[in-house]
Protein backbone atom coordinates (compact mmCIF):
# COMPACT_ATOMS: atom_id res chain seq x y z
CA MET A 1 -25.21 42.35 -28.85
CA THR A 2 -24.07 38.71 -27.21
CA GLY A 3 -23.20 36.96 -29.72
CA ARG A 4 -21.02 39.52 -32.12
CA PHE A 5 -19.07 39.39 -28.19
CA GLN A 6 -19.00 36.12 -28.09
CA LEU A 7 -17.46 35.68 -31.85
CA VAL A 8 -15.26 38.45 -30.93
CA ARG A 9 -13.99 36.06 -27.70
CA ALA A 10 -13.07 33.31 -29.69
CA ALA A 11 -11.11 35.49 -32.32
CA LEU A 12 -9.91 36.89 -29.08
CA ALA A 13 -9.29 32.50 -28.36
CA ALA A 14 -8.46 31.27 -31.68
CA GLY A 15 -5.51 34.47 -31.67
CA VAL A 16 -3.87 33.39 -28.49
CA LEU A 17 -4.03 29.34 -29.21
CA THR A 18 -1.70 30.14 -32.78
CA VAL A 19 -0.18 32.49 -30.67
CA ALA A 20 1.30 29.74 -28.51
CA SER A 21 1.69 27.06 -30.13
CA LEU A 22 4.10 29.61 -32.91
CA GLY A 23 5.79 29.88 -29.14
CA LEU A 24 6.49 26.26 -28.65
CA VAL A 25 7.51 25.61 -31.98
CA ALA A 26 9.69 28.09 -32.66
CA GLY A 27 10.85 27.82 -28.79
CA PRO A 28 13.53 25.26 -29.32
CA ASP A 29 15.02 27.02 -32.17
CA ARG A 30 15.87 30.14 -30.17
């Protein structure tokens, strides 16, 4: 159960970093 929670947390962190990086890249274009 703990391992699954860590996997989910890692996935969420990766998603947030991806969205943040995409936002920084698309920011100047707007």
